[in-house]
PDB file of N, CA and C in Angstrom:
ATOM      1  N   MET A   1      89.324  24.121 -47.108  1.00  0.00           N
ATOM      2  CA  MET A   1      90.052  23.464 -48.158  1.00  0.00           C
ATOM      3  C   MET A   1      91.407  24.159 -48.302  1.00  0.00           C
ATOM      4  N   ILE A   2      92.443  23.368 -48.468  1.00  0.00           N
ATOM      5  CA  ILE A   2      93.790  23.886 -48.667  1.00  0.00           C
ATOM      6  C   ILE A   2      94.180  23.614 -50.111  1.00  0.00           C
ATOM      7  N   HIS A   3      94.650  24.646 -50.810  1.00  0.00           N
ATOM      8  CA  HIS A   3      94.908  24.533 -52.247  1.00  0.00           C
ATOM      9  C   HIS A   3      96.041  23.546 -52.543  1.00  0.00           C
ATOM     10  N   GLY A   4      97.204  23.711 -51.981  1.00  0.00           N
ATOM     11  CA  GLY A   4      98.303  22.769 -52.156  1.00  0.00           C
ATOM     12  C   GLY A   4      99.175  22.995 -53.380  1.00  0.00           C
ATOM     13  N   ASN A   5      98.853  23.978 -54.232  1.00  0.00           N
ATOM     14  CA  ASN A   5      99.679  24.200 -55.417  1.00  0.00           C
ATOM     15  C   ASN A   5      99.485  25.613 -55.967  1.00  0.00           C
ATOM     16  N   ILE A   6      99.528  26.625 -55.099  1.00  0.00           N
ATOM     17  CA  ILE A   6      99.387  27.999 -55.578  1.00  0.00           C
ATOM     18  C   ILE A   6     100.706  28.425 -56.207  1.00  0.00           C
ATOM     19  N   ASN A   7     100.620  28.835 -57.461  1.00  0.00           N
ATOM     20  CA  ASN A   7     101.772  29.313 -58.213  1.00  0.00           C
ATOM     21  C   ASN A   7     101.247  30.275 -59.279  1.00  0.00           C
ATOM     22  N   PRO A   8     102.118  30.958 -60.003  1.00  0.00           N
ATOM     23  CA  PRO A   8     101.627  31.927 -60.999  1.00  0.00           C
ATOM     24  C   PRO A   8     100.684  31.319 -62.039  1.00  0.00           C
ATOM     25  N   GLU A   9     100.880  30.064 -62.397  1.00  0.00           N
ATOM     26  CA  GLU A   9     100.018  29.440 -63.397  1.00  0.00           C
ATOM     27  C   GLU A   9      98.621  29.125 -62.869  1.00  0.00           C
ATOM     28  N   SER A  10      98.437  29.099 -61.552  1.00  0.00           N
ATOM     29  CA  SER A  10      97.128  28.783 -60.996  1.00  0.00           C
ATOM     30  C   SER A  10      96.292  30.026 -60.702  1.00  0.00           C
ATOM     31  N   ILE A  11      96.808  31.215 -61.006  1.00  0.00           N
ATOM     32  CA  ILE A  11      96.071  32.454 -60.797  1.00  0.00           C
ATOM     33  C   ILE A  11      95.665  33.001 -62.165  1.00  0.00           C
ATOM     34  N   LEU A  12      94.373  33.143 -62.363  1.00  0.00           N
ATOM     35  CA  LEU A  12      93.832  33.625 -63.631  1.00  0.00           C
ATOM     36  C   LEU A  12      93.150  34.970 -63.403  1.00  0.00           C
ATOM     37  N   VAL A  13      93.216  35.835 -64.389  1.00  0.00           N
ATOM     38  CA  VAL A  13      92.528  37.122 -64.334  1.00  0.00           C
ATOM     39  C   VAL A  13      91.609  37.185 -65.543  1.00  0.00           C
ATOM     40  N   ASN A  14      90.304  37.382 -65.299  1.00  0.00           N
ATOM     41  CA  ASN A  14      89.363  37.417 -66.421  1.00  0.00           C
ATOM     42  C   ASN A  14      89.318  38.807 -67.054  1.00  0.00           C
ATOM     43  N   GLN A  15      88.484  38.985 -68.064  1.00  0.00           N
ATOM     44  CA  GLN A  15      88.411  40.256 -68.795  1.00  0.00           C
ATOM     45  C   GLN A  15      87.962  41.419 -67.928  1.00  0.00           C
ATOM     46  N   SER A  16      87.245  41.129 -66.850  1.00  0.00           N
ATOM     47  CA  SER A  16      86.784  42.177 -65.935  1.00  0.00           C
ATOM     48  C   SER A  16      87.830  42.533 -64.883  1.00  0.00           C
ATOM     49  N   GLY A  17      88.963  41.837 -64.892  1.00  0.00           N
ATOM     50  CA  GLY A  17      90.008  42.091 -63.909  1.00  0.00           C
ATOM     51  C   GLY A  17      89.828  41.323 -62.612  1.00  0.00           C
ATOM     52  N   VAL A  18      88.888  40.393 -62.580  1.00  0.00           N
ATOM     53  CA  VAL A  18      88.645  39.596 -61.379  1.00  0.00           C
ATOM     54  C   VAL A  18      89.626  38.435 -61.346  1.00  0.00           C
ATOM     55  N   TRP A  19      90.274  38.262 -60.204  1.00  0.00           N
ATOM     56  CA  TRP A  19      91.230  37.169 -60.050  1.00  0.00           C
ATOM     57  C   TRP A  19      90.492  35.884 -59.708  1.00  0.00           C
ATOM     58  N   LYS A  20      90.917  34.797 -60.320  1.00  0.00           N
ATOM     59  CA  LYS A  20      90.335  33.474 -60.065  1.00  0.00           C
ATOM     60  C   LYS A  20      91.457  32.516 -59.711  1.00  0.00           C
ATOM     61  N   LEU A  21      91.183  31.618 -58.809  1.00  0.00           N
ATOM     62  CA  LEU A  21      92.155  30.598 -58.418  1.00  0.00           C
ATOM     63  C   LEU A  21      91.783  29.300 -59.109  1.00  0.00           C
ATOM     64  N   ALA A  22      92.734  28.675 -59.785  1.00  0.00           N
ATOM     65  CA  ALA A  22      92.497  27.442 -60.534  1.00  0.00           C
ATOM     66  C   ALA A  22      93.503  26.387 -60.096  1.00  0.00           C
ATOM     67  N   GLY A  23      93.437  25.227 -60.709  1.00  0.00           N
ATOM     68  CA  GLY A  23      94.417  24.179 -60.446  1.00  0.00           C
ATOM     69  C   GLY A  23      94.240  23.511 -59.100  1.00  0.00           C
ATOM     70  N   PHE A  24      93.066  23.024 -58.825  1.00  0.00           N
ATOM     71  CA  PHE A  24      92.790  22.397 -57.534  1.00  0.00           C
ATOM     72  C   PHE A  24      93.123  20.900 -57.523  1.00  0.00           C
ATOM     73  N   ASP A  25      94.049  20.474 -58.385  1.00  0.00           N
ATOM     74  CA  ASP A  25      94.407  19.057 -58.459  1.00  0.00           C
ATOM     75  C   ASP A  25      95.022  18.537 -57.169  1.00  0.00           C
ATOM     76  N   PHE A  26      95.683  19.396 -56.410  1.00  0.00           N
ATOM     77  CA  PHE A  26      96.380  18.964 -55.206  1.00  0.00           C
ATOM     78  C   PHE A  26      95.739  19.516 -53.938  1.00  0.00           C
ATOM     79  N   CYS A  27      94.468  19.890 -53.995  1.00  0.00           N
ATOM     80  CA  CYS A  27      93.808  20.446 -52.816  1.00  0.00           C
ATOM     81  C   CYS A  27      93.505  19.344 -51.798  1.00  0.00           C
ATOM     82  N   ILE A  28      93.362  19.780 -50.559  1.00  0.00           N
ATOM     83  CA  ILE A  28      93.105  18.863 -49.450  1.00  0.00           C
ATOM     84  C   ILE A  28      91.962  19.426 -48.629  1.00  0.00           C
ATOM     85  N   GLN A  29      91.021  18.578 -48.287  1.00  0.00           N
ATOM     86  CA  GLN A  29      89.893  18.992 -47.459  1.00  0.00           C
ATOM     87  C   GLN A  29      90.342  19.096 -46.008  1.00  0.00           C
ATOM     88  N   LEU A  30      90.055  20.212 -45.390  1.00  0.00           N
ATOM     89  CA  LEU A  30      90.391  20.434 -43.993  1.00  0.00           C
ATOM     90  C   LEU A  30      89.379  19.710 -43.123  1.00  0.00           C
ATOM     91  N   GLU A  31      89.871  18.952 -42.153  1.00  0.00           N
ATOM     92  CA  GLU A  31      88.992  18.213 -41.250  1.00  0.00           C
ATOM     93  C   GLU A  31      88.859  18.969 -39.940  1.00  0.00           C
ATOM     94  N   LYS A  32      87.638  19.309 -39.593  1.00  0.00           N
ATOM     95  CA  LYS A  32      87.381  20.039 -38.346  1.00  0.00           C
ATOM     96  C   LYS A  32      87.483  19.095 -37.157  1.00  0.00           C
ATOM     97  N   ASN A  33      88.146  19.563 -36.142  1.00  0.00           N
ATOM     98  CA  ASN A  33      88.256  18.823 -34.896  1.00  0.00           C
ATOM     99  C   ASN A  33      86.969  19.054 -34.100  1.00  0.00           C
ATOM    100  N   PRO A  34      86.290  18.002 -33.664  1.00  0.00           N
ATOM    101  CA  PRO A  34      85.031  18.203 -32.925  1.00  0.00           C
ATOM    102  C   PRO A  34      85.209  18.983 -31.626  1.00  0.00           C
ATOM    103  N   ASP A  35      86.403  18.983 -31.051  1.00  0.00           N
ATOM    104  CA  ASP A  35      86.650  19.729 -29.819  1.00  0.00           C
ATOM    105  C   ASP A  35      86.990  21.196 -30.094  1.00  0.00           C
ATOM    106  N   PHE A  36      87.006  21.592 -31.367  1.00  0.00           N
ATOM    107  CA  PHE A  36      87.333  22.954 -31.783  1.00  0.00           C
ATOM    108  C   PHE A  36      88.706  23.396 -31.298  1.00  0.00           C
ATOM    109  N   GLN A  37      89.625  22.444 -31.127  1.00  0.00           N
ATOM    110  CA  GLN A  37      90.987  22.768 -30.701  1.00  0.00           C
ATOM    111  C   GLN A  37      91.810  23.276 -31.881  1.00  0.00           C
ATOM    112  N   ASN A  38      92.193  22.371 -32.741  1.00  0.00           N
ATOM    113  CA  ASN A  38      93.009  22.718 -33.911  1.00  0.00           C
ATOM    114  C   ASN A  38      92.461  21.991 -35.122  1.00  0.00           C
ATOM    115  N   ASP A  39      92.461  22.682 -36.244  1.00  0.00           N
ATOM    116  CA  ASP A  39      92.118  22.012 -37.485  1.00  0.00           C
ATOM    117  C   ASP A  39      93.324  21.181 -37.910  1.00  0.00           C
ATOM    118  N   GLN A  40      93.077  19.997 -38.463  1.00  0.00           N
ATOM    119  CA  GLN A  40      94.171  19.113 -38.823  1.00  0.00           C
ATOM    120  C   GLN A  40      94.101  18.752 -40.284  1.00  0.00           C
ATOM    121  N   PHE A  41      95.262  18.587 -40.892  1.00  0.00           N
ATOM    122  CA  PHE A  41      95.326  18.155 -42.275  1.00  0.00           C
ATOM    123  C   PHE A  41      96.629  17.418 -42.494  1.00  0.00           C
ATOM    124  N   SER A  42      96.634  16.577 -43.490  1.00  0.00           N
ATOM    125  CA  SER A  42      97.830  15.836 -43.848  1.00  0.00           C
ATOM    126  C   SER A  42      97.946  15.824 -45.366  1.00  0.00           C
ATOM    127  N   PHE A  43      99.113  16.199 -45.882  1.00  0.00           N
ATOM    128  CA  PHE A  43      99.321  16.258 -47.316  1.00  0.00           C
ATOM    129  C   PHE A  43      99.741  14.932 -47.918  1.00  0.00           C
ATOM    130  N   GLY A  44     100.357  14.073 -47.164  1.00  0.00           N
ATOM    131  CA  GLY A  44     100.927  12.868 -47.743  1.00  0.00           C
ATOM    132  C   GLY A  44     102.267  13.191 -48.377  1.00  0.00           C
ATOM    133  N   GLU A  45     102.884  12.200 -48.969  1.00  0.00           N
ATOM    134  CA  GLU A  45     104.215  12.386 -49.531  1.00  0.00           C
ATOM    135  C   GLU A  45     104.145  12.665 -51.022  1.00  0.00           C
ATOM    136  N   ILE A  46     105.144  13.393 -51.523  1.00  0.00           N
ATOM    137  CA  ILE A  46     105.258  13.678 -52.944  1.00  0.00           C
ATOM    138  C   ILE A  46     106.289  12.726 -53.527  1.00  0.00           C
ATOM    139  N   ASN A  47     105.925  12.023 -54.572  1.00  0.00           N
ATOM    140  CA  ASN A  47     106.855  11.152 -55.267  1.00  0.00           C
ATOM    141  C   ASN A  47     107.513  11.973 -56.369  1.00  0.00           C
ATOM    142  N   VAL A  48     108.726  12.469 -56.128  1.00  0.00           N
ATOM    143  CA  VAL A  48     109.393  13.354 -57.072  1.00  0.00           C
ATOM    144  C   VAL A  48     109.853  12.628 -58.337  1.00  0.00           C
ATOM    145  N   GLU A  49     109.681  11.325 -58.387  1.00  0.00           N
ATOM    146  CA  GLU A  49     110.039  10.563 -59.584  1.00  0.00           C
ATOM    147  C   GLU A  49     108.913  10.535 -60.615  1.00  0.00           C
ATOM    148  N   LEU A  50     107.737  11.069 -60.276  1.00  0.00           N
ATOM    149  CA  LEU A  50     106.623  11.136 -61.219  1.00  0.00           C
ATOM    150  C   LEU A  50     106.901  12.197 -62.277  1.00  0.00           C
ATOM    151  N   PRO A  51     106.223  12.127 -63.413  1.00  0.00           N
ATOM    152  CA  PRO A  51     106.382  13.179 -64.431  1.00  0.00           C
ATOM    153  C   PRO A  51     105.958  14.539 -63.870  1.00  0.00           C
ATOM    154  N   PRO A  52     106.528  15.630 -64.372  1.00  0.00           N
ATOM    155  CA  PRO A  52     106.234  16.969 -63.840  1.00  0.00           C
ATOM    156  C   PRO A  52     104.751  17.332 -63.836  1.00  0.00           C
ATOM    157  N   LEU A  53     103.979  16.858 -64.804  1.00  0.00           N
ATOM    158  CA  LEU A  53     102.551  17.184 -64.825  1.00  0.00           C
ATOM    159  C   LEU A  53     101.783  16.531 -63.681  1.00  0.00           C
ATOM    160  N   CYS A  54     102.365  15.541 -63.032  1.00  0.00           N
ATOM    161  CA  CYS A  54     101.716  14.841 -61.918  1.00  0.00           C
ATOM    162  C   CYS A  54     102.148  15.383 -60.568  1.00  0.00           C
ATOM    163  N   LEU A  55     102.910  16.457 -60.561  1.00  0.00           N
ATOM    164  CA  LEU A  55     103.441  17.024 -59.321  1.00  0.00           C
ATOM    165  C   LEU A  55     102.990  18.461 -59.150  1.00  0.00           C
ATOM    166  N   PRO A  56     102.866  18.921 -57.890  1.00  0.00           N
ATOM    167  CA  PRO A  56     102.675  20.353 -57.700  1.00  0.00           C
ATOM    168  C   PRO A  56     103.937  21.082 -58.161  1.00  0.00           C
ATOM    169  N   HIS A  57     103.834  22.369 -58.414  1.00  0.00           N
ATOM    170  CA  HIS A  57     104.979  23.152 -58.877  1.00  0.00           C
ATOM    171  C   HIS A  57     105.993  23.225 -57.735  1.00  0.00           C
ATOM    172  N   LEU A  58     107.103  22.511 -57.854  1.00  0.00           N
ATOM    173  CA  LEU A  58     108.050  22.356 -56.753  1.00  0.00           C
ATOM    174  C   LEU A  58     108.770  23.647 -56.375  1.00  0.00           C
ATOM    175  N   ASN A  59     108.791  24.641 -57.239  1.00  0.00           N
ATOM    176  CA  ASN A  59     109.420  25.922 -56.895  1.00  0.00           C
ATOM    177  C   ASN A  59     108.569  26.765 -55.962  1.00  0.00           C
ATOM    178  N   TYR A  60     107.312  26.387 -55.757  1.00  0.00           N
ATOM    179  CA  TYR A  60     106.403  27.212 -54.967  1.00  0.00           C
ATOM    180  C   TYR A  60     105.828  26.507 -53.748  1.00  0.00           C
ATOM    181  N   ILE A  61     106.380  25.376 -53.366  1.00  0.00           N
ATOM    182  CA  ILE A  61     105.908  24.714 -52.151  1.00  0.00           C
ATOM    183  C   ILE A  61     107.050  24.636 -51.156  1.00  0.00           C
ATOM    184  N   THR A  62     106.717  24.398 -49.905  1.00  0.00           N
ATOM    185  CA  THR A  62     107.724  24.390 -48.849  1.00  0.00           C
ATOM    186  C   THR A  62     108.557  23.112 -48.896  1.00  0.00           C
ATOM    187  N   PRO A  63     109.786  23.181 -48.398  1.00  0.00           N
ATOM    188  CA  PRO A  63     110.619  21.975 -48.336  1.00  0.00           C
ATOM    189  C   PRO A  63     109.987  20.875 -47.483  1.00  0.00           C
ATOM    190  N   GLU A  64     109.263  21.280 -46.440  1.00  0.00           N
ATOM    191  CA  GLU A  64     108.599  20.299 -45.592  1.00  0.00           C
ATOM    192  C   GLU A  64     107.608  19.463 -46.376  1.00  0.00           C
ATOM    193  N   ARG A  65     106.945  20.094 -47.319  1.00  0.00           N
ATOM    194  CA  ARG A  65     105.974  19.400 -48.158  1.00  0.00           C
ATOM    195  C   ARG A  65     106.667  18.401 -49.089  1.00  0.00           C
ATOM    196  N   ILE A  66     107.820  18.779 -49.622  1.00  0.00           N
ATOM    197  CA  ILE A  66     108.565  17.889 -50.514  1.00  0.00           C
ATOM    198  C   ILE A  66     109.102  16.687 -49.754  1.00  0.00           C
ATOM    199  N   PHE A  67     109.621  16.920 -48.564  1.00  0.00           N
ATOM    200  CA  PHE A  67     110.261  15.857 -47.792  1.00  0.00           C
ATOM    201  C   PHE A  67     109.302  15.096 -46.887  1.00  0.00           C
ATOM    202  N   GLY A  68     108.001  15.424 -46.917  1.00  0.00           N
ATOM    203  CA  GLY A  68     106.990  14.667 -46.194  1.00  0.00           C
ATOM    204  C   GLY A  68     106.979  14.859 -44.702  1.00  0.00           C
ATOM    205  N   LYS A  69     107.487  15.974 -44.182  1.00  0.00           N
ATOM    206  CA  LYS A  69     107.513  16.202 -42.731  1.00  0.00           C
ATOM    207  C   LYS A  69     106.496  17.233 -42.302  1.00  0.00           C
ATOM    208  N   PHE A  70     105.516  17.522 -43.160  1.00  0.00           N
ATOM    209  CA  PHE A  70     104.523  18.573 -42.886  1.00  0.00           C
ATOM    210  C   PHE A  70     103.212  17.908 -42.567  1.00  0.00           C
ATOM    211  N   LYS A  71     102.922  17.698 -41.299  1.00  0.00           N
ATOM    212  CA  LYS A  71     101.677  17.029 -40.897  1.00  0.00           C
ATOM    213  C   LYS A  71     100.991  17.811 -39.823  1.00  0.00           C
TER     214      LYS A  71
END
């Protein structure tokens, strides 16, 4: 599984000091290649005209992800 939106707000630390990863709204399931060559995934395009709550944190993702050239 690929998280797709790791940023400071998605990292939580509990009272015991254990780090937890949250915010899996934009995660993508990794598809295994039956030939065991390369794992493949596709993020799809980001519509930057959506409200900010409907988008991954744009300051923490790659430009390729924003422009839809990351496949």
